[in-house]
Amino acid sequence: RRSFSWFWFLASLVWTLSVGVGVAVG
């Protein structure tokens, strides 16, 4: 259960950073 939670946390973090960097660069 903890591994599953960490996976979604990291996936959400990477997605948020990717969107933020994409918006900033654009």
mmCIF file of all heavy atoms, coordinates in Angstrom:
data_MODEL
# 
_entry.id   MODEL 
# 
loop_
_atom_site.group_PDB 
_atom_site.id 
_atom_site.type_symbol 
_atom_site.label_atom_id 
_atom_site.label_alt_id 
_atom_site.label_comp_id 
_atom_site.label_asym_id 
_atom_site.label_entity_id 
_atom_site.label_seq_id 
_atom_site.pdbx_PDB_ins_code 
_atom_site.Cartn_x 
_atom_site.Cartn_y 
_atom_site.Cartn_z 
_atom_site.occupancy 
_atom_site.B_iso_or_equiv 
_atom_site.pdbx_formal_charge 
_atom_site.auth_seq_id 
_atom_site.auth_comp_id 
_atom_site.auth_asym_id 
_atom_site.auth_atom_id 
_atom_site.pdbx_PDB_model_num 
ATOM 1   N N   . ARG A 1 1  ? 0.826  -1.201 0.000   1.00 0.00 ? 1  ARG A N   1 
ATOM 2   C CA  . ARG A 1 1  ? 0.000  0.000  0.000   1.00 0.00 ? 1  ARG A CA  1 
ATOM 3   C C   . ARG A 1 1  ? 0.865  1.256  0.000   1.00 0.00 ? 1  ARG A C   1 
ATOM 4   O O   . ARG A 1 1  ? 0.595  2.218  -0.709  1.00 0.00 ? 1  ARG A O   1 
ATOM 5   C CB  . ARG A 1 1  ? -0.913 -0.011 1.230   1.00 0.00 ? 1  ARG A CB  1 
ATOM 6   C CG  . ARG A 1 1  ? -1.921 1.117  1.265   1.00 0.00 ? 1  ARG A CG  1 
ATOM 7   C CD  . ARG A 1 1  ? -2.755 1.047  2.523   1.00 0.00 ? 1  ARG A CD  1 
ATOM 8   N NE  . ARG A 1 1  ? -3.444 -0.233 2.628   1.00 0.00 ? 1  ARG A NE  1 
ATOM 9   C CZ  . ARG A 1 1  ? -4.155 -0.623 3.689   1.00 0.00 ? 1  ARG A CZ  1 
ATOM 10  N NH1 . ARG A 1 1  ? -4.237 0.170  4.745   1.00 0.00 ? 1  ARG A NH1 1 
ATOM 11  N NH2 . ARG A 1 1  ? -4.744 -1.793 3.697   1.00 0.00 ? 1  ARG A NH2 1 
ATOM 12  N N   . ARG A 1 2  ? 1.960  1.251  0.801   1.00 0.00 ? 2  ARG A N   1 
ATOM 13  C CA  . ARG A 1 2  ? 2.847  2.408  0.838   1.00 0.00 ? 2  ARG A CA  1 
ATOM 14  C C   . ARG A 1 2  ? 3.554  2.609  -0.499  1.00 0.00 ? 2  ARG A C   1 
ATOM 15  O O   . ARG A 1 2  ? 3.701  3.727  -0.969  1.00 0.00 ? 2  ARG A O   1 
ATOM 16  C CB  . ARG A 1 2  ? 3.871  2.244  1.966   1.00 0.00 ? 2  ARG A CB  1 
ATOM 17  C CG  . ARG A 1 2  ? 3.300  2.458  3.365   1.00 0.00 ? 2  ARG A CG  1 
ATOM 18  C CD  . ARG A 1 2  ? 4.416  2.676  4.370   1.00 0.00 ? 2  ARG A CD  1 
ATOM 19  N NE  . ARG A 1 2  ? 5.273  1.507  4.488   1.00 0.00 ? 2  ARG A NE  1 
ATOM 20  C CZ  . ARG A 1 2  ? 5.074  0.532  5.364   1.00 0.00 ? 2  ARG A CZ  1 
ATOM 21  N NH1 . ARG A 1 2  ? 4.029  0.571  6.174   1.00 0.00 ? 2  ARG A NH1 1 
ATOM 22  N NH2 . ARG A 1 2  ? 5.913  -0.491 5.420   1.00 0.00 ? 2  ARG A NH2 1 
ATOM 23  N N   . SER A 1 3  ? 3.977  1.498  -1.127  1.00 0.00 ? 3  SER A N   1 
ATOM 24  C CA  . SER A 1 3  ? 4.637  1.597  -2.425  1.00 0.00 ? 3  SER A CA  1 
ATOM 25  C C   . SER A 1 3  ? 3.698  2.186  -3.469  1.00 0.00 ? 3  SER A C   1 
ATOM 26  O O   . SER A 1 3  ? 4.090  3.015  -4.295  1.00 0.00 ? 3  SER A O   1 
ATOM 27  C CB  . SER A 1 3  ? 5.127  0.216  -2.872  1.00 0.00 ? 3  SER A CB  1 
ATOM 28  O OG  . SER A 1 3  ? 6.044  -0.324 -1.939  1.00 0.00 ? 3  SER A OG  1 
ATOM 29  N N   . PHE A 1 4  ? 2.438  1.755  -3.416  1.00 0.00 ? 4  PHE A N   1 
ATOM 30  C CA  . PHE A 1 4  ? 1.449  2.266  -4.370  1.00 0.00 ? 4  PHE A CA  1 
ATOM 31  C C   . PHE A 1 4  ? 1.231  3.757  -4.166  1.00 0.00 ? 4  PHE A C   1 
ATOM 32  O O   . PHE A 1 4  ? 1.134  4.521  -5.129  1.00 0.00 ? 4  PHE A O   1 
ATOM 33  C CB  . PHE A 1 4  ? 0.139  1.502  -4.172  1.00 0.00 ? 4  PHE A CB  1 
ATOM 34  C CG  . PHE A 1 4  ? -0.900 1.833  -5.203  1.00 0.00 ? 4  PHE A CG  1 
ATOM 35  C CD1 . PHE A 1 4  ? -0.795 1.353  -6.491  1.00 0.00 ? 4  PHE A CD1 1 
ATOM 36  C CD2 . PHE A 1 4  ? -1.979 2.640  -4.876  1.00 0.00 ? 4  PHE A CD2 1 
ATOM 37  C CE1 . PHE A 1 4  ? -1.751 1.658  -7.442  1.00 0.00 ? 4  PHE A CE1 1 
ATOM 38  C CE2 . PHE A 1 4  ? -2.939 2.949  -5.826  1.00 0.00 ? 4  PHE A CE2 1 
ATOM 39  C CZ  . PHE A 1 4  ? -2.821 2.455  -7.104  1.00 0.00 ? 4  PHE A CZ  1 
ATOM 40  N N   . SER A 1 5  ? 1.184  4.219  -2.903  1.00 0.00 ? 5  SER A N   1 
ATOM 41  C CA  . SER A 1 5  ? 0.999  5.646  -2.608  1.00 0.00 ? 5  SER A CA  1 
ATOM 42  C C   . SER A 1 5  ? 2.186  6.466  -3.090  1.00 0.00 ? 5  SER A C   1 
ATOM 43  O O   . SER A 1 5  ? 2.021  7.544  -3.659  1.00 0.00 ? 5  SER A O   1 
ATOM 44  C CB  . SER A 1 5  ? 0.790  5.843  -1.103  1.00 0.00 ? 5  SER A CB  1 
ATOM 45  O OG  . SER A 1 5  ? -0.341 5.132  -0.661  1.00 0.00 ? 5  SER A OG  1 
ATOM 46  N N   . TRP A 1 6  ? 3.387  5.959  -2.857  1.00 0.00 ? 6  TRP A N   1 
ATOM 47  C CA  . TRP A 1 6  ? 4.580  6.675  -3.308  1.00 0.00 ? 6  TRP A CA  1 
ATOM 48  C C   . TRP A 1 6  ? 4.624  6.775  -4.828  1.00 0.00 ? 6  TRP A C   1 
ATOM 49  O O   . TRP A 1 6  ? 5.059  7.779  -5.383  1.00 0.00 ? 6  TRP A O   1 
ATOM 50  C CB  . TRP A 1 6  ? 5.847  5.971  -2.797  1.00 0.00 ? 6  TRP A CB  1 
ATOM 51  C CG  . TRP A 1 6  ? 6.252  6.432  -1.438  1.00 0.00 ? 6  TRP A CG  1 
ATOM 52  C CD1 . TRP A 1 6  ? 6.167  5.761  -0.265  1.00 0.00 ? 6  TRP A CD1 1 
ATOM 53  C CD2 . TRP A 1 6  ? 6.814  7.711  -1.110  1.00 0.00 ? 6  TRP A CD2 1 
ATOM 54  N NE1 . TRP A 1 6  ? 6.619  6.522  0.775   1.00 0.00 ? 6  TRP A NE1 1 
ATOM 55  C CE2 . TRP A 1 6  ? 7.029  7.724  0.290   1.00 0.00 ? 6  TRP A CE2 1 
ATOM 56  C CE3 . TRP A 1 6  ? 7.139  8.833  -1.849  1.00 0.00 ? 6  TRP A CE3 1 
ATOM 57  C CZ2 . TRP A 1 6  ? 7.566  8.817  0.944   1.00 0.00 ? 6  TRP A CZ2 1 
ATOM 58  C CZ3 . TRP A 1 6  ? 7.668  9.927  -1.197  1.00 0.00 ? 6  TRP A CZ3 1 
ATOM 59  C CH2 . TRP A 1 6  ? 7.881  9.911  0.181   1.00 0.00 ? 6  TRP A CH2 1 
ATOM 60  N N   . PHE A 1 7  ? 4.183  5.720  -5.510  1.00 0.00 ? 7  PHE A N   1 
ATOM 61  C CA  . PHE A 1 7  ? 4.180  5.745  -6.970  1.00 0.00 ? 7  PHE A CA  1 
ATOM 62  C C   . PHE A 1 7  ? 3.297  6.878  -7.490  1.00 0.00 ? 7  PHE A C   1 
ATOM 63  O O   . PHE A 1 7  ? 3.699  7.641  -8.372  1.00 0.00 ? 7  PHE A O   1 
ATOM 64  C CB  . PHE A 1 7  ? 3.682  4.394  -7.506  1.00 0.00 ? 7  PHE A CB  1 
ATOM 65  C CG  . PHE A 1 7  ? 3.385  4.419  -8.979  1.00 0.00 ? 7  PHE A CG  1 
ATOM 66  C CD1 . PHE A 1 7  ? 4.407  4.354  -9.904  1.00 0.00 ? 7  PHE A CD1 1 
ATOM 67  C CD2 . PHE A 1 7  ? 2.074  4.520  -9.439  1.00 0.00 ? 7  PHE A CD2 1 
ATOM 68  C CE1 . PHE A 1 7  ? 4.138  4.391  -11.265 1.00 0.00 ? 7  PHE A CE1 1 
ATOM 69  C CE2 . PHE A 1 7  ? 1.797  4.558  -10.795 1.00 0.00 ? 7  PHE A CE2 1 
ATOM 70  C CZ  . PHE A 1 7  ? 2.832  4.479  -11.707 1.00 0.00 ? 7  PHE A CZ  1 
ATOM 71  N N   . TRP A 1 8  ? 2.083  6.991  -6.927  1.00 0.00 ? 8  TRP A N   1 
ATOM 72  C CA  . TRP A 1 8  ? 1.178  8.045  -7.400  1.00 0.00 ? 8  TRP A CA  1 
ATOM 73  C C   . TRP A 1 8  ? 1.662  9.431  -7.012  1.00 0.00 ? 8  TRP A C   1 
ATOM 74  O O   . TRP A 1 8  ? 1.471  10.402 -7.748  1.00 0.00 ? 8  TRP A O   1 
ATOM 75  C CB  . TRP A 1 8  ? -0.233 7.804  -6.849  1.00 0.00 ? 8  TRP A CB  1 
ATOM 76  C CG  . TRP A 1 8  ? -0.968 6.765  -7.628  1.00 0.00 ? 8  TRP A CG  1 
ATOM 77  C CD1 . TRP A 1 8  ? -1.298 5.506  -7.242  1.00 0.00 ? 8  TRP A CD1 1 
ATOM 78  C CD2 . TRP A 1 8  ? -1.433 6.898  -8.978  1.00 0.00 ? 8  TRP A CD2 1 
ATOM 79  N NE1 . TRP A 1 8  ? -1.932 4.843  -8.246  1.00 0.00 ? 8  TRP A NE1 1 
ATOM 80  C CE2 . TRP A 1 8  ? -2.048 5.663  -9.324  1.00 0.00 ? 8  TRP A CE2 1 
ATOM 81  C CE3 . TRP A 1 8  ? -1.392 7.912  -9.924  1.00 0.00 ? 8  TRP A CE3 1 
ATOM 82  C CZ2 . TRP A 1 8  ? -2.608 5.447  -10.580 1.00 0.00 ? 8  TRP A CZ2 1 
ATOM 83  C CZ3 . TRP A 1 8  ? -1.958 7.693  -11.171 1.00 0.00 ? 8  TRP A CZ3 1 
ATOM 84  C CH2 . TRP A 1 8  ? -2.553 6.473  -11.486 1.00 0.00 ? 8  TRP A CH2 1 
ATOM 85  N N   . PHE A 1 9  ? 2.308  9.505  -5.853  1.00 0.00 ? 9  PHE A N   1 
ATOM 86  C CA  . PHE A 1 9  ? 2.857  10.805 -5.439  1.00 0.00 ? 9  PHE A CA  1 
ATOM 87  C C   . PHE A 1 9  ? 3.952  11.263 -6.397  1.00 0.00 ? 9  PHE A C   1 
ATOM 88  O O   . PHE A 1 9  ? 3.954  12.415 -6.853  1.00 0.00 ? 9  PHE A O   1 
ATOM 89  C CB  . PHE A 1 9  ? 3.410  10.699 -4.015  1.00 0.00 ? 9  PHE A CB  1 
ATOM 90  C CG  . PHE A 1 9  ? 4.186  11.922 -3.579  1.00 0.00 ? 9  PHE A CG  1 
ATOM 91  C CD1 . PHE A 1 9  ? 3.522  13.091 -3.224  1.00 0.00 ? 9  PHE A CD1 1 
ATOM 92  C CD2 . PHE A 1 9  ? 5.572  11.900 -3.555  1.00 0.00 ? 9  PHE A CD2 1 
ATOM 93  C CE1 . PHE A 1 9  ? 4.229  14.217 -2.840  1.00 0.00 ? 9  PHE A CE1 1 
ATOM 94  C CE2 . PHE A 1 9  ? 6.283  13.022 -3.167  1.00 0.00 ? 9  PHE A CE2 1 
ATOM 95  C CZ  . PHE A 1 9  ? 5.609  14.183 -2.808  1.00 0.00 ? 9  PHE A CZ  1 
ATOM 96  N N   . LEU A 1 10 ? 4.874  10.334 -6.715  1.00 0.00 ? 10 LEU A N   1 
ATOM 97  C CA  . LEU A 1 10 ? 5.963  10.694 -7.620  1.00 0.00 ? 10 LEU A CA  1 
ATOM 98  C C   . LEU A 1 10 ? 5.444  10.970 -9.027  1.00 0.00 ? 10 LEU A C   1 
ATOM 99  O O   . LEU A 1 10 ? 5.912  11.893 -9.706  1.00 0.00 ? 10 LEU A O   1 
ATOM 100 C CB  . LEU A 1 10 ? 7.004  9.570  -7.661  1.00 0.00 ? 10 LEU A CB  1 
ATOM 101 C CG  . LEU A 1 10 ? 7.800  9.353  -6.363  1.00 0.00 ? 10 LEU A CG  1 
ATOM 102 C CD1 . LEU A 1 10 ? 8.721  8.149  -6.490  1.00 0.00 ? 10 LEU A CD1 1 
ATOM 103 C CD2 . LEU A 1 10 ? 8.621  10.598 -6.034  1.00 0.00 ? 10 LEU A CD2 1 
ATOM 104 N N   . ALA A 1 11 ? 4.464  10.182 -9.484  1.00 0.00 ? 11 ALA A N   1 
ATOM 105 C CA  . ALA A 1 11 ? 3.897  10.408 -10.807 1.00 0.00 ? 11 ALA A CA  1 
ATOM 106 C C   . ALA A 1 11 ? 3.220  11.768 -10.882 1.00 0.00 ? 11 ALA A C   1 
ATOM 107 O O   . ALA A 1 11 ? 3.363  12.499 -11.869 1.00 0.00 ? 11 ALA A O   1 
ATOM 108 C CB  . ALA A 1 11 ? 2.903  9.293  -11.139 1.00 0.00 ? 11 ALA A CB  1 
ATOM 109 N N   . SER A 1 12 ? 2.488  12.129 -9.819  1.00 0.00 ? 12 SER A N   1 
ATOM 110 C CA  . SER A 1 12 ? 1.829  13.442 -9.790  1.00 0.00 ? 12 SER A CA  1 
ATOM 111 C C   . SER A 1 12 ? 2.849  14.570 -9.762  1.00 0.00 ? 12 SER A C   1 
ATOM 112 O O   . SER A 1 12 ? 2.677  15.602 -10.420 1.00 0.00 ? 12 SER A O   1 
ATOM 113 C CB  . SER A 1 12 ? 0.912  13.546 -8.566  1.00 0.00 ? 12 SER A CB  1 
ATOM 114 O OG  . SER A 1 12 ? -0.066 12.526 -8.578  1.00 0.00 ? 12 SER A OG  1 
ATOM 115 N N   . LEU A 1 13 ? 3.934  14.359 -9.004  1.00 0.00 ? 13 LEU A N   1 
ATOM 116 C CA  . LEU A 1 13 ? 4.967  15.388 -8.908  1.00 0.00 ? 13 LEU A CA  1 
ATOM 117 C C   . LEU A 1 13 ? 5.645  15.603 -10.263 1.00 0.00 ? 13 LEU A C   1 
ATOM 118 O O   . LEU A 1 13 ? 5.847  16.750 -10.691 1.00 0.00 ? 13 LEU A O   1 
ATOM 119 C CB  . LEU A 1 13 ? 6.008  14.987 -7.860  1.00 0.00 ? 13 LEU A CB  1 
ATOM 120 C CG  . LEU A 1 13 ? 7.165  15.968 -7.623  1.00 0.00 ? 13 LEU A CG  1 
ATOM 121 C CD1 . LEU A 1 13 ? 6.643  17.305 -7.130  1.00 0.00 ? 13 LEU A CD1 1 
ATOM 122 C CD2 . LEU A 1 13 ? 8.158  15.388 -6.623  1.00 0.00 ? 13 LEU A CD2 1 
ATOM 123 N N   . VAL A 1 14 ? 5.999  14.492 -10.941 1.00 0.00 ? 14 VAL A N   1 
ATOM 124 C CA  . VAL A 1 14 ? 6.645  14.602 -12.253 1.00 0.00 ? 14 VAL A CA  1 
ATOM 125 C C   . VAL A 1 14 ? 5.714  15.274 -13.251 1.00 0.00 ? 14 VAL A C   1 
ATOM 126 O O   . VAL A 1 14 ? 6.128  16.127 -14.036 1.00 0.00 ? 14 VAL A O   1 
ATOM 127 C CB  . VAL A 1 14 ? 7.069  13.203 -12.750 1.00 0.00 ? 14 VAL A CB  1 
ATOM 128 C CG1 . VAL A 1 14 ? 7.511  13.267 -14.212 1.00 0.00 ? 14 VAL A CG1 1 
ATOM 129 C CG2 . VAL A 1 14 ? 8.180  12.648 -11.884 1.00 0.00 ? 14 VAL A CG2 1 
ATOM 130 N N   . TRP A 1 15 ? 4.432  14.906 -13.213 1.00 0.00 ? 15 TRP A N   1 
ATOM 131 C CA  . TRP A 1 15 ? 3.457  15.499 -14.143 1.00 0.00 ? 15 TRP A CA  1 
ATOM 132 C C   . TRP A 1 15 ? 3.322  17.005 -13.890 1.00 0.00 ? 15 TRP A C   1 
ATOM 133 O O   . TRP A 1 15 ? 3.305  17.801 -14.822 1.00 0.00 ? 15 TRP A O   1 
ATOM 134 C CB  . TRP A 1 15 ? 2.115  14.823 -13.976 1.00 0.00 ? 15 TRP A CB  1 
ATOM 135 C CG  . TRP A 1 15 ? 1.065  15.345 -14.918 1.00 0.00 ? 15 TRP A CG  1 
ATOM 136 C CD1 . TRP A 1 15 ? 0.839  14.967 -16.207 1.00 0.00 ? 15 TRP A CD1 1 
ATOM 137 C CD2 . TRP A 1 15 ? 0.100  16.362 -14.629 1.00 0.00 ? 15 TRP A CD2 1 
ATOM 138 N NE1 . TRP A 1 15 ? -0.197 15.678 -16.752 1.00 0.00 ? 15 TRP A NE1 1 
ATOM 139 C CE2 . TRP A 1 15 ? -0.676 16.548 -15.816 1.00 0.00 ? 15 TRP A CE2 1 
ATOM 140 C CE3 . TRP A 1 15 ? -0.196 17.139 -13.517 1.00 0.00 ? 15 TRP A CE3 1 
ATOM 141 C CZ2 . TRP A 1 15 ? -1.708 17.467 -15.884 1.00 0.00 ? 15 TRP A CZ2 1 
ATOM 142 C CZ3 . TRP A 1 15 ? -1.226 18.064 -13.595 1.00 0.00 ? 15 TRP A CZ3 1 
ATOM 143 C CH2 . TRP A 1 15 ? -1.977 18.219 -14.755 1.00 0.00 ? 15 TRP A CH2 1 
ATOM 144 N N   . THR A 1 16 ? 3.245  17.391 -12.606 1.00 0.00 ? 16 THR A N   1 
ATOM 145 C CA  . THR A 1 16 ? 3.103  18.808 -12.265 1.00 0.00 ? 16 THR A CA  1 
ATOM 146 C C   . THR A 1 16 ? 4.324  19.613 -12.708 1.00 0.00 ? 16 THR A C   1 
ATOM 147 O O   . THR A 1 16 ? 4.203  20.702 -13.277 1.00 0.00 ? 16 THR A O   1 
ATOM 148 C CB  . THR A 1 16 ? 2.904  18.974 -10.748 1.00 0.00 ? 16 THR A CB  1 
ATOM 149 O OG1 . THR A 1 16 ? 1.759  18.219 -10.345 1.00 0.00 ? 16 THR A OG1 1 
ATOM 150 C CG2 . THR A 1 16 ? 2.687  20.432 -10.379 1.00 0.00 ? 16 THR A CG2 1 
ATOM 151 N N   . LEU A 1 17 ? 5.525  19.054 -12.445 1.00 0.00 ? 17 LEU A N   1 
ATOM 152 C CA  . LEU A 1 17 ? 6.748  19.748 -12.853 1.00 0.00 ? 17 LEU A CA  1 
ATOM 153 C C   . LEU A 1 17 ? 6.843  19.856 -14.371 1.00 0.00 ? 17 LEU A C   1 
ATOM 154 O O   . LEU A 1 17 ? 7.257  20.889 -14.907 1.00 0.00 ? 17 LEU A O   1 
ATOM 155 C CB  . LEU A 1 17 ? 7.974  19.017 -12.301 1.00 0.00 ? 17 LEU A CB  1 
ATOM 156 C CG  . LEU A 1 17 ? 8.182  19.088 -10.780 1.00 0.00 ? 17 LEU A CG  1 
ATOM 157 C CD1 . LEU A 1 17 ? 9.366  18.227 -10.365 1.00 0.00 ? 17 LEU A CD1 1 
ATOM 158 C CD2 . LEU A 1 17 ? 8.391  20.531 -10.325 1.00 0.00 ? 17 LEU A CD2 1 
ATOM 159 N N   . SER A 1 18 ? 6.444  18.784 -15.070 1.00 0.00 ? 18 SER A N   1 
ATOM 160 C CA  . SER A 1 18 ? 6.502  18.804 -16.531 1.00 0.00 ? 18 SER A CA  1 
ATOM 161 C C   . SER A 1 18 ? 5.573  19.870 -17.098 1.00 0.00 ? 18 SER A C   1 
ATOM 162 O O   . SER A 1 18 ? 5.943  20.621 -18.005 1.00 0.00 ? 18 SER A O   1 
ATOM 163 C CB  . SER A 1 18 ? 6.138  17.427 -17.093 1.00 0.00 ? 18 SER A CB  1 
ATOM 164 O OG  . SER A 1 18 ? 7.021  16.438 -16.625 1.00 0.00 ? 18 SER A OG  1 
ATOM 165 N N   . VAL A 1 19 ? 4.357  19.929 -16.552 1.00 0.00 ? 19 VAL A N   1 
ATOM 166 C CA  . VAL A 1 19 ? 3.410  20.941 -17.020 1.00 0.00 ? 19 VAL A CA  1 
ATOM 167 C C   . VAL A 1 19 ? 3.923  22.338 -16.704 1.00 0.00 ? 19 VAL A C   1 
ATOM 168 O O   . VAL A 1 19 ? 3.852  23.254 -17.545 1.00 0.00 ? 19 VAL A O   1 
ATOM 169 C CB  . VAL A 1 19 ? 2.024  20.714 -16.378 1.00 0.00 ? 19 VAL A CB  1 
ATOM 170 C CG1 . VAL A 1 19 ? 1.094  21.875 -16.694 1.00 0.00 ? 19 VAL A CG1 1 
ATOM 171 C CG2 . VAL A 1 19 ? 1.418  19.413 -16.886 1.00 0.00 ? 19 VAL A CG2 1 
ATOM 172 N N   . GLY A 1 20 ? 4.470  22.523 -15.492 1.00 0.00 ? 20 GLY A N   1 
ATOM 173 C CA  . GLY A 1 20 ? 4.985  23.836 -15.112 1.00 0.00 ? 20 GLY A CA  1 
ATOM 174 C C   . GLY A 1 20 ? 6.129  24.291 -15.998 1.00 0.00 ? 20 GLY A C   1 
ATOM 175 O O   . GLY A 1 20 ? 6.161  25.434 -16.461 1.00 0.00 ? 20 GLY A O   1 
ATOM 176 N N   . VAL A 1 21 ? 7.073  23.375 -16.254 1.00 0.00 ? 21 VAL A N   1 
ATOM 177 C CA  . VAL A 1 21 ? 8.204  23.718 -17.118 1.00 0.00 ? 21 VAL A CA  1 
ATOM 178 C C   . VAL A 1 21 ? 7.728  23.988 -18.535 1.00 0.00 ? 21 VAL A C   1 
ATOM 179 O O   . VAL A 1 21 ? 8.185  24.922 -19.201 1.00 0.00 ? 21 VAL A O   1 
ATOM 180 C CB  . VAL A 1 21 ? 9.257  22.587 -17.102 1.00 0.00 ? 21 VAL A CB  1 
ATOM 181 C CG1 . VAL A 1 21 ? 10.322 22.831 -18.164 1.00 0.00 ? 21 VAL A CG1 1 
ATOM 182 C CG2 . VAL A 1 21 ? 9.890  22.470 -15.730 1.00 0.00 ? 21 VAL A CG2 1 
ATOM 183 N N   . GLY A 1 22 ? 6.773  23.179 -19.015 1.00 0.00 ? 22 GLY A N   1 
ATOM 184 C CA  . GLY A 1 22 ? 6.242  23.389 -20.360 1.00 0.00 ? 22 GLY A CA  1 
ATOM 185 C C   . GLY A 1 22 ? 5.565  24.741 -20.511 1.00 0.00 ? 22 GLY A C   1 
ATOM 186 O O   . GLY A 1 22 ? 5.769  25.442 -21.504 1.00 0.00 ? 22 GLY A O   1 
ATOM 187 N N   . VAL A 1 23 ? 4.780  25.110 -19.506 1.00 0.00 ? 23 VAL A N   1 
ATOM 188 C CA  . VAL A 1 23 ? 4.111  26.411 -19.549 1.00 0.00 ? 23 VAL A CA  1 
ATOM 189 C C   . VAL A 1 23 ? 5.124  27.543 -19.498 1.00 0.00 ? 23 VAL A C   1 
ATOM 190 O O   . VAL A 1 23 ? 5.029  28.538 -20.236 1.00 0.00 ? 23 VAL A O   1 
ATOM 191 C CB  . VAL A 1 23 ? 3.102  26.533 -18.384 1.00 0.00 ? 23 VAL A CB  1 
ATOM 192 C CG1 . VAL A 1 23 ? 2.575  27.954 -18.280 1.00 0.00 ? 23 VAL A CG1 1 
ATOM 193 C CG2 . VAL A 1 23 ? 1.950  25.562 -18.583 1.00 0.00 ? 23 VAL A CG2 1 
ATOM 194 N N   . ALA A 1 24 ? 6.138  27.407 -18.621 1.00 0.00 ? 24 ALA A N   1 
ATOM 195 C CA  . ALA A 1 24 ? 7.161  28.450 -18.498 1.00 0.00 ? 24 ALA A CA  1 
ATOM 196 C C   . ALA A 1 24 ? 7.938  28.617 -19.794 1.00 0.00 ? 24 ALA A C   1 
ATOM 197 O O   . ALA A 1 24 ? 8.190  29.740 -20.253 1.00 0.00 ? 24 ALA A O   1 
ATOM 198 C CB  . ALA A 1 24 ? 8.108  28.122 -17.341 1.00 0.00 ? 24 ALA A CB  1 
ATOM 199 N N   . VAL A 1 25 ? 8.343  27.486 -20.401 1.00 0.00 ? 25 VAL A N   1 
ATOM 200 C CA  . VAL A 1 25 ? 9.103  27.552 -21.648 1.00 0.00 ? 25 VAL A CA  1 
ATOM 201 C C   . VAL A 1 25 ? 8.242  28.128 -22.769 1.00 0.00 ? 25 VAL A C   1 
ATOM 202 O O   . VAL A 1 25 ? 8.698  28.951 -23.569 1.00 0.00 ? 25 VAL A O   1 
ATOM 203 C CB  . VAL A 1 25 ? 9.636  26.156 -22.025 1.00 0.00 ? 25 VAL A CB  1 
ATOM 204 C CG1 . VAL A 1 25 ? 10.247 26.165 -23.422 1.00 0.00 ? 25 VAL A CG1 1 
ATOM 205 C CG2 . VAL A 1 25 ? 10.674 25.700 -21.011 1.00 0.00 ? 25 VAL A CG2 1 
ATOM 206 N N   . GLY A 1 26 ? 6.976  27.695 -22.842 1.00 0.00 ? 26 GLY A N   1 
ATOM 207 C CA  . GLY A 1 26 ? 6.082  28.217 -23.875 1.00 0.00 ? 26 GLY A CA  1 
ATOM 208 C C   . GLY A 1 26 ? 5.851  29.710 -23.728 1.00 0.00 ? 26 GLY A C   1 
ATOM 209 O O   . GLY A 1 26 ? 5.889  30.454 -24.712 1.00 0.00 ? 26 GLY A O   1 
# 
